[in-house]
Amino acid sequence: MIMIRTRGFSQFRRKPSQGYGGIELPADVRPEPTVGLAQKRKRMFFLLFAVFFVGMMYGSILLRDKSGGFLKNLGIIQETFLADKAEQSVFQCFCGSLGSSLLFFGCSFLCGLSAVGQPLAIASLFLKGLGLGSSMGYLYLHYGLSGIGYSALFLLPSGAVAVFALLLSVKESLRLSNLLFSALMQGREQISKTVWKLYLCKHGILLLILGLSALIDTLITFFFAGVFHLTP
């Protein structure tokens, strides 16, 4: 029997964690107490979503820049994107959609490998929201209801799936980064290989979800690109 410090002010007696099948797990991968764990995970997910949402709002606010520099540059990028997307093959559309999502996903993944990568991981989520918010805002300002329809059809379905995968990636990135930081502060040279395997497996699954997002974008573009036309 050993004494274990809890997150509160009290202490209680508890047997050492035996993991699954009676096999003791490393300290850094032992499951947390189930009481309040679901609420904690849900709270973290919504906090990260709030970061993304703030990024979207800020992207919309930037369109009101009085100098017009941001709007002009965004317009050039957006019009080039729309023109290129209409002429792309199915394979090019899939690769382009997947590549744009991998930019933020890769940043989140790499930040989790650093003990001080938390700020950049959160920044990737904020920038994803900023890009989506500014794009949708530009389409609305220049094309009105047609822009709203285009966003709802071409941006939101695949974008929602990609953002969901990025949210989970950032959550796992923060968890591993915090674990590395804790190990560094405690003077531990390394953490369990199980932690790395879990991190890679989870991101492998999230990568498949990103592929699904790109596939949705490709199919929508293939079936509706010739039907839906933006009209100012």
C-alpha atoms as a PDB file:
ATOM      1  CA  MET A   1       0.000   0.000   0.000  1.00  0.00           C
ATOM      2  CA  ILE A   2       1.337   3.455  -0.850  1.00  0.00           C
ATOM      3  CA  MET A   3       0.240   7.042  -0.384  1.00  0.00           C
ATOM      4  CA  ILE A   4      -0.586   8.910  -3.569  1.00  0.00           C
ATOM      5  CA  ARG A   5      -1.066  12.666  -3.857  1.00  0.00           C
ATOM      6  CA  THR A   6      -4.345  13.648  -5.484  1.00  0.00           C
ATOM      7  CA  ARG A   7      -5.203  16.863  -7.316  1.00  0.00           C
ATOM      8  CA  GLY A   8      -7.134  18.091  -4.296  1.00  0.00           C
ATOM      9  CA  PHE A   9      -6.025  18.723  -0.714  1.00  0.00           C
ATOM     10  CA  SER A  10      -6.708  15.240   0.643  1.00  0.00           C
ATOM     11  CA  GLN A  11      -4.786  11.973   0.316  1.00  0.00           C
ATOM     12  CA  PHE A  12      -6.110   8.429   0.103  1.00  0.00           C
ATOM     13  CA  ARG A  13      -4.729   4.937  -0.086  1.00  0.00           C
ATOM     14  CA  ARG A  14      -4.634   3.282  -3.459  1.00  0.00           C
ATOM     15  CA  LYS A  15      -3.043   0.227  -5.011  1.00  0.00           C
ATOM     16  CA  PRO A  16      -0.421   0.738  -7.701  1.00  0.00           C
ATOM     17  CA  SER A  17      -1.862   0.918 -11.213  1.00  0.00           C
ATOM     18  CA  GLN A  18      -1.735  -2.528 -12.799  1.00  0.00           C
ATOM     19  CA  GLY A  19      -2.801  -1.443 -16.289  1.00  0.00           C
ATOM     20  CA  TYR A  20      -4.499  -4.122 -18.358  1.00  0.00           C
ATOM     21  CA  GLY A  21      -4.272  -7.837 -17.663  1.00  0.00           C
ATOM     22  CA  GLY A  22      -2.385  -7.287 -14.416  1.00  0.00           C
ATOM     23  CA  ILE A  23       0.625  -5.757 -16.209  1.00  0.00           C
ATOM     24  CA  GLU A  24       1.899  -2.618 -14.572  1.00  0.00           C
ATOM     25  CA  LEU A  25       2.035   0.333 -16.961  1.00  0.00           C
ATOM     26  CA  PRO A  26       4.731   3.025 -16.970  1.00  0.00           C
ATOM     27  CA  ALA A  27       3.894   6.011 -14.812  1.00  0.00           C
ATOM     28  CA  ASP A  28       3.548   8.348 -17.791  1.00  0.00           C
ATOM     29  CA  VAL A  29       0.890   6.237 -19.534  1.00  0.00           C
ATOM     30  CA  ARG A  30      -1.220   5.076 -16.599  1.00  0.00           C
ATOM     31  CA  PRO A  31      -4.901   5.965 -17.000  1.00  0.00           C
ATOM     32  CA  GLU A  32      -6.160   8.906 -14.997  1.00  0.00           C
ATOM     33  CA  PRO A  33      -9.010   8.524 -12.507  1.00  0.00           C
ATOM     34  CA  THR A  34     -12.287   8.324 -14.397  1.00  0.00           C
ATOM     35  CA  VAL A  35     -14.085  10.778 -12.096  1.00  0.00           C
ATOM     36  CA  GLY A  36     -14.286  14.059 -13.959  1.00  0.00           C
ATOM     37  CA  LEU A  37     -12.032  12.829 -16.798  1.00  0.00           C
ATOM     38  CA  ALA A  38     -14.764  13.096 -19.423  1.00  0.00           C
ATOM     39  CA  GLN A  39     -15.553  16.644 -18.303  1.00  0.00           C
ATOM     40  CA  LYS A  40     -11.867  17.554 -18.400  1.00  0.00           C
ATOM     41  CA  ARG A  41     -11.442  16.262 -21.948  1.00  0.00           C
ATOM     42  CA  LYS A  42     -14.624  17.965 -23.098  1.00  0.00           C
ATOM     43  CA  ARG A  43     -13.527  21.246 -21.539  1.00  0.00           C
ATOM     44  CA  MET A  44     -10.157  21.052 -23.282  1.00  0.00           C
ATOM     45  CA  PHE A  45     -11.808  20.330 -26.644  1.00  0.00           C
ATOM     46  CA  PHE A  46     -14.119  23.330 -26.332  1.00  0.00           C
ATOM     47  CA  LEU A  47     -11.257  25.591 -25.242  1.00  0.00           C
ATOM     48  CA  LEU A  48      -9.323  24.619 -28.365  1.00  0.00           C
ATOM     49  CA  PHE A  49     -12.430  25.147 -30.483  1.00  0.00           C
ATOM     50  CA  ALA A  50     -12.722  28.612 -28.926  1.00  0.00           C
ATOM     51  CA  VAL A  51      -9.177  29.376 -30.137  1.00  0.00           C
ATOM     52  CA  PHE A  52     -10.179  28.320 -33.650  1.00  0.00           C
ATOM     53  CA  PHE A  53     -13.384  30.367 -33.479  1.00  0.00           C
ATOM     54  CA  VAL A  54     -11.502  33.470 -32.324  1.00  0.00           C
ATOM     55  CA  GLY A  55      -9.190  32.988 -35.299  1.00  0.00           C
ATOM     56  CA  MET A  56     -12.210  32.906 -37.613  1.00  0.00           C
ATOM     57  CA  MET A  57     -13.618  36.076 -36.093  1.00  0.00           C
ATOM     58  CA  TYR A  58     -10.273  37.849 -36.335  1.00  0.00           C
ATOM     59  CA  GLY A  59      -9.978  36.823 -39.983  1.00  0.00           C
ATOM     60  CA  SER A  60     -13.353  38.431 -40.639  1.00  0.00           C
ATOM     61  CA  ILE A  61     -12.365  41.591 -38.774  1.00  0.00           C
ATOM     62  CA  LEU A  62      -9.184  41.959 -40.838  1.00  0.00           C
ATOM     63  CA  LEU A  63     -11.363  42.401 -43.923  1.00  0.00           C
ATOM     64  CA  ARG A  64     -12.462  45.735 -42.479  1.00  0.00           C
ATOM     65  CA  ASP A  65      -8.933  47.104 -42.631  1.00  0.00           C
ATOM     66  CA  LYS A  66      -9.284  50.716 -43.766  1.00  0.00           C
ATOM     67  CA  SER A  67      -6.064  50.665 -45.765  1.00  0.00           C
ATOM     68  CA  GLY A  68      -7.473  47.855 -47.900  1.00  0.00           C
ATOM     69  CA  GLY A  69      -4.085  46.149 -48.161  1.00  0.00           C
ATOM     70  CA  PHE A  70      -5.156  42.900 -46.567  1.00  0.00           C
ATOM     71  CA  LEU A  71      -8.369  42.728 -48.578  1.00  0.00           C
ATOM     72  CA  LYS A  72      -6.525  43.399 -51.824  1.00  0.00           C
ATOM     73  CA  ASN A  73      -3.914  40.708 -51.192  1.00  0.00           C
ATOM     74  CA  LEU A  74      -6.553  38.252 -50.056  1.00  0.00           C
ATOM     75  CA  GLY A  75      -8.565  38.983 -53.181  1.00  0.00           C
ATOM     76  CA  ILE A  76      -5.623  38.112 -55.422  1.00  0.00           C
ATOM     77  CA  ILE A  77      -5.034  34.852 -53.557  1.00  0.00           C
ATOM     78  CA  GLN A  78      -8.732  33.943 -53.483  1.00  0.00           C
ATOM     79  CA  GLU A  79      -9.384  34.648 -57.152  1.00  0.00           C
ATOM     80  CA  THR A  80      -6.291  32.678 -58.154  1.00  0.00           C
ATOM     81  CA  PHE A  81      -7.452  29.796 -55.995  1.00  0.00           C
ATOM     82  CA  LEU A  82     -10.927  29.792 -57.512  1.00  0.00           C
ATOM     83  CA  ALA A  83      -9.569  29.931 -61.070  1.00  0.00           C
ATOM     84  CA  ASP A  84      -7.078  27.123 -60.470  1.00  0.00           C
ATOM     85  CA  LYS A  85      -9.592  24.936 -58.674  1.00  0.00           C
ATOM     86  CA  ALA A  86     -12.003  25.103 -61.607  1.00  0.00           C
ATOM     87  CA  GLU A  87      -9.308  23.769 -63.978  1.00  0.00           C
ATOM     88  CA  GLN A  88      -7.760  21.111 -61.748  1.00  0.00           C
ATOM     89  CA  SER A  89      -8.033  17.400 -62.358  1.00  0.00           C
ATOM     90  CA  VAL A  90      -9.502  15.107 -59.708  1.00  0.00           C
ATOM     91  CA  PHE A  91      -6.043  14.036 -58.545  1.00  0.00           C
ATOM     92  CA  GLN A  92      -4.751  17.623 -58.416  1.00  0.00           C
ATOM     93  CA  CYS A  93      -7.793  18.711 -56.431  1.00  0.00           C
ATOM     94  CA  PHE A  94      -7.297  15.893 -53.927  1.00  0.00           C
ATOM     95  CA  CYS A  95      -3.578  16.640 -53.491  1.00  0.00           C
ATOM     96  CA  GLY A  96      -4.192  20.372 -53.166  1.00  0.00           C
ATOM     97  CA  SER A  97      -6.883  19.915 -50.543  1.00  0.00           C
ATOM     98  CA  LEU A  98      -4.822  17.400 -48.575  1.00  0.00           C
ATOM     99  CA  GLY A  99      -1.684  19.536 -48.827  1.00  0.00           C
ATOM    100  CA  SER A 100      -3.355  22.634 -47.395  1.00  0.00           C
ATOM    101  CA  SER A 101      -4.601  20.625 -44.394  1.00  0.00           C
ATOM    102  CA  LEU A 102      -1.258  18.892 -43.883  1.00  0.00           C
ATOM    103  CA  LEU A 103       0.457  22.246 -43.444  1.00  0.00           C
ATOM    104  CA  PHE A 104      -1.330  22.894 -40.141  1.00  0.00           C
ATOM    105  CA  PHE A 105      -1.528  19.224 -39.179  1.00  0.00           C
ATOM    106  CA  GLY A 106       2.227  18.768 -39.623  1.00  0.00           C
ATOM    107  CA  CYS A 107       2.929  21.843 -37.529  1.00  0.00           C
ATOM    108  CA  SER A 108       0.753  20.486 -34.720  1.00  0.00           C
ATOM    109  CA  PHE A 109       2.390  17.056 -34.931  1.00  0.00           C
ATOM    110  CA  LEU A 110       5.938  18.435 -34.763  1.00  0.00           C
ATOM    111  CA  CYS A 111       5.090  20.764 -31.875  1.00  0.00           C
ATOM    112  CA  GLY A 112       4.088  17.749 -29.804  1.00  0.00           C
ATOM    113  CA  LEU A 113       7.652  16.441 -30.105  1.00  0.00           C
ATOM    114  CA  SER A 114       8.996  19.493 -28.288  1.00  0.00           C
ATOM    115  CA  ALA A 115       8.766  20.302 -24.593  1.00  0.00           C
ATOM    116  CA  VAL A 116       8.063  23.946 -25.479  1.00  0.00           C
ATOM    117  CA  GLY A 117       5.894  23.409 -28.550  1.00  0.00           C
ATOM    118  CA  GLN A 118       2.569  24.315 -26.923  1.00  0.00           C
ATOM    119  CA  PRO A 119       2.345  27.934 -28.185  1.00  0.00           C
ATOM    120  CA  LEU A 120       3.000  26.982 -31.807  1.00  0.00           C
ATOM    121  CA  ALA A 121       0.501  24.124 -31.654  1.00  0.00           C
ATOM    122  CA  ILE A 122      -2.205  26.520 -30.469  1.00  0.00           C
ATOM    123  CA  ALA A 123      -1.088  29.071 -33.074  1.00  0.00           C
ATOM    124  CA  SER A 124      -1.634  26.525 -35.864  1.00  0.00           C
ATOM    125  CA  LEU A 125      -5.254  26.195 -34.773  1.00  0.00           C
ATOM    126  CA  PHE A 126      -5.686  29.965 -34.595  1.00  0.00           C
ATOM    127  CA  LEU A 127      -4.187  30.463 -38.075  1.00  0.00           C
ATOM    128  CA  LYS A 128      -6.429  27.742 -39.521  1.00  0.00           C
ATOM    129  CA  GLY A 129      -9.433  29.646 -38.196  1.00  0.00           C
ATOM    130  CA  LEU A 130      -8.051  32.937 -39.478  1.00  0.00           C
ATOM    131  CA  GLY A 131      -7.639  31.533 -42.982  1.00  0.00           C
ATOM    132  CA  LEU A 132     -11.097  29.985 -43.107  1.00  0.00           C
ATOM    133  CA  GLY A 133     -12.773  33.045 -41.607  1.00  0.00           C
ATOM    134  CA  SER A 134     -11.094  35.491 -43.980  1.00  0.00           C
ATOM    135  CA  SER A 135     -11.875  33.304 -47.017  1.00  0.00           C
ATOM    136  CA  MET A 136     -15.549  33.001 -46.147  1.00  0.00           C
ATOM    137  CA  GLY A 137     -15.735  36.697 -45.321  1.00  0.00           C
ATOM    138  CA  TYR A 138     -14.183  37.644 -48.655  1.00  0.00           C
ATOM    139  CA  LEU A 139     -16.636  35.454 -50.580  1.00  0.00           C
ATOM    140  CA  TYR A 140     -19.547  37.080 -48.779  1.00  0.00           C
ATOM    141  CA  LEU A 141     -18.302  40.652 -49.335  1.00  0.00           C
ATOM    142  CA  HIS A 142     -17.688  40.172 -53.062  1.00  0.00           C
ATOM    143  CA  TYR A 143     -20.362  37.681 -54.076  1.00  0.00           C
ATOM    144  CA  GLY A 144     -23.143  38.129 -51.533  1.00  0.00           C
ATOM    145  CA  LEU A 145     -25.551  35.209 -51.337  1.00  0.00           C
ATOM    146  CA  SER A 146     -23.598  33.365 -54.025  1.00  0.00           C
ATOM    147  CA  GLY A 147     -20.524  33.566 -51.787  1.00  0.00           C
ATOM    148  CA  ILE A 148     -22.469  32.189 -48.838  1.00  0.00           C
ATOM    149  CA  GLY A 149     -23.725  29.319 -50.980  1.00  0.00           C
ATOM    150  CA  TYR A 150     -20.232  28.603 -52.273  1.00  0.00           C
ATOM    151  CA  SER A 151     -18.834  28.543 -48.738  1.00  0.00           C
ATOM    152  CA  ALA A 152     -21.604  26.251 -47.508  1.00  0.00           C
ATOM    153  CA  LEU A 153     -21.103  23.834 -50.388  1.00  0.00           C
ATOM    154  CA  PHE A 154     -17.373  23.861 -51.086  1.00  0.00           C
ATOM    155  CA  LEU A 155     -15.673  25.042 -47.877  1.00  0.00           C
ATOM    156  CA  LEU A 156     -17.682  23.929 -44.866  1.00  0.00           C
ATOM    157  CA  PRO A 157     -18.181  20.151 -45.403  1.00  0.00           C
ATOM    158  CA  SER A 158     -14.526  19.276 -45.950  1.00  0.00           C
ATOM    159  CA  GLY A 159     -13.362  22.130 -43.713  1.00  0.00           C
ATOM    160  CA  ALA A 160     -15.372  20.842 -40.754  1.00  0.00           C
ATOM    161  CA  VAL A 161     -13.772  17.404 -41.016  1.00  0.00           C
ATOM    162  CA  ALA A 162     -10.272  18.887 -41.375  1.00  0.00           C
ATOM    163  CA  VAL A 163     -10.781  21.214 -38.406  1.00  0.00           C
ATOM    164  CA  PHE A 164     -12.041  18.314 -36.274  1.00  0.00           C
ATOM    165  CA  ALA A 165      -8.871  16.342 -37.063  1.00  0.00           C
ATOM    166  CA  LEU A 166      -6.700  19.381 -36.322  1.00  0.00           C
ATOM    167  CA  LEU A 167      -8.439  19.959 -32.988  1.00  0.00           C
ATOM    168  CA  LEU A 168      -7.718  16.399 -31.895  1.00  0.00           C
ATOM    169  CA  SER A 169      -4.149  16.665 -33.167  1.00  0.00           C
ATOM    170  CA  VAL A 170      -3.500  19.842 -31.181  1.00  0.00           C
ATOM    171  CA  LYS A 171      -5.023  18.240 -28.077  1.00  0.00           C
ATOM    172  CA  GLU A 172      -2.673  15.252 -28.363  1.00  0.00           C
ATOM    173  CA  SER A 173       0.226  17.555 -29.189  1.00  0.00           C
ATOM    174  CA  LEU A 174      -0.330  19.601 -26.034  1.00  0.00           C
ATOM    175  CA  ARG A 175      -0.590  16.443 -23.954  1.00  0.00           C
ATOM    176  CA  LEU A 176       2.726  15.026 -25.187  1.00  0.00           C
ATOM    177  CA  SER A 177       4.456  18.397 -25.070  1.00  0.00           C
ATOM    178  CA  ASN A 178       3.368  18.875 -21.457  1.00  0.00           C
ATOM    179  CA  LEU A 179       4.607  15.372 -20.654  1.00  0.00           C
ATOM    180  CA  LEU A 180       8.010  16.140 -22.181  1.00  0.00           C
ATOM    181  CA  PHE A 181       8.187  19.419 -20.287  1.00  0.00           C
ATOM    182  CA  SER A 182       7.316  17.664 -17.028  1.00  0.00           C
ATOM    183  CA  ALA A 183       9.989  15.021 -17.659  1.00  0.00           C
ATOM    184  CA  LEU A 184      12.523  17.755 -18.398  1.00  0.00           C
ATOM    185  CA  MET A 185      11.736  19.609 -15.182  1.00  0.00           C
ATOM    186  CA  GLN A 186      11.962  16.382 -13.156  1.00  0.00           C
ATOM    187  CA  GLY A 187      15.294  15.446 -14.701  1.00  0.00           C
ATOM    188  CA  ARG A 188      14.053  12.290 -16.422  1.00  0.00           C
ATOM    189  CA  GLU A 189      16.094  11.422 -19.486  1.00  0.00           C
ATOM    190  CA  GLN A 190      13.292   9.772 -21.475  1.00  0.00           C
ATOM    191  CA  ILE A 191       9.669   8.715 -21.387  1.00  0.00           C
ATOM    192  CA  SER A 192       8.108   5.360 -22.199  1.00  0.00           C
ATOM    193  CA  LYS A 193       8.151   4.064 -25.785  1.00  0.00           C
ATOM    194  CA  THR A 194       4.449   3.355 -25.352  1.00  0.00           C
ATOM    195  CA  VAL A 195       3.787   7.084 -25.257  1.00  0.00           C
ATOM    196  CA  TRP A 196       5.497   7.589 -28.619  1.00  0.00           C
ATOM    197  CA  LYS A 197       3.641   4.652 -30.161  1.00  0.00           C
ATOM    198  CA  LEU A 198       0.288   6.004 -28.994  1.00  0.00           C
ATOM    199  CA  TYR A 199       1.125   9.446 -30.336  1.00  0.00           C
ATOM    200  CA  LEU A 200       2.073   8.071 -33.751  1.00  0.00           C
ATOM    201  CA  CYS A 201      -0.945   5.747 -33.929  1.00  0.00           C
ATOM    202  CA  LYS A 202      -3.388   8.517 -33.047  1.00  0.00           C
ATOM    203  CA  HIS A 203      -1.916  10.853 -35.636  1.00  0.00           C
ATOM    204  CA  GLY A 204      -1.985   8.045 -38.174  1.00  0.00           C
ATOM    205  CA  ILE A 205      -5.740   7.765 -37.639  1.00  0.00           C
ATOM    206  CA  LEU A 206      -6.125  11.552 -37.813  1.00  0.00           C
ATOM    207  CA  LEU A 207      -4.192  11.523 -41.075  1.00  0.00           C
ATOM    208  CA  LEU A 208      -6.797   9.147 -42.493  1.00  0.00           C
ATOM    209  CA  ILE A 209      -9.494  11.590 -41.387  1.00  0.00           C
ATOM    210  CA  LEU A 210      -7.661  14.354 -43.269  1.00  0.00           C
ATOM    211  CA  GLY A 211      -7.661  12.092 -46.316  1.00  0.00           C
ATOM    212  CA  LEU A 212     -11.430  11.753 -45.915  1.00  0.00           C
ATOM    213  CA  SER A 213     -11.703  15.549 -45.799  1.00  0.00           C
ATOM    214  CA  ALA A 214      -9.733  15.862 -49.029  1.00  0.00           C
ATOM    215  CA  LEU A 215     -11.894  13.174 -50.641  1.00  0.00           C
ATOM    216  CA  ILE A 216     -15.080  15.018 -49.675  1.00  0.00           C
ATOM    217  CA  ASP A 217     -13.685  18.240 -51.145  1.00  0.00           C
ATOM    218  CA  THR A 218     -12.693  16.442 -54.348  1.00  0.00           C
ATOM    219  CA  LEU A 219     -16.077  14.774 -54.825  1.00  0.00           C
ATOM    220  CA  ILE A 220     -17.999  17.994 -54.194  1.00  0.00           C
ATOM    221  CA  THR A 221     -15.778  19.869 -56.647  1.00  0.00           C
ATOM    222  CA  PHE A 222     -16.125  17.122 -59.264  1.00  0.00           C
ATOM    223  CA  PHE A 223     -19.924  16.972 -59.081  1.00  0.00           C
ATOM    224  CA  PHE A 224     -20.797  20.633 -58.494  1.00  0.00           C
ATOM    225  CA  ALA A 225     -17.971  22.757 -59.974  1.00  0.00           C
ATOM    226  CA  GLY A 226     -19.717  22.919 -63.330  1.00  0.00           C
ATOM    227  CA  VAL A 227     -23.107  23.590 -61.749  1.00  0.00           C
ATOM    228  CA  PHE A 228     -22.347  26.290 -59.192  1.00  0.00           C
ATOM    229  CA  HIS A 229     -21.039  29.619 -60.487  1.00  0.00           C
ATOM    230  CA  LEU A 230     -20.103  32.636 -58.396  1.00  0.00           C
ATOM    231  CA  THR A 231     -21.941  35.770 -59.456  1.00  0.00           C
ATOM    232  CA  PRO A 232     -21.271  39.139 -57.764  1.00  0.00           C
END
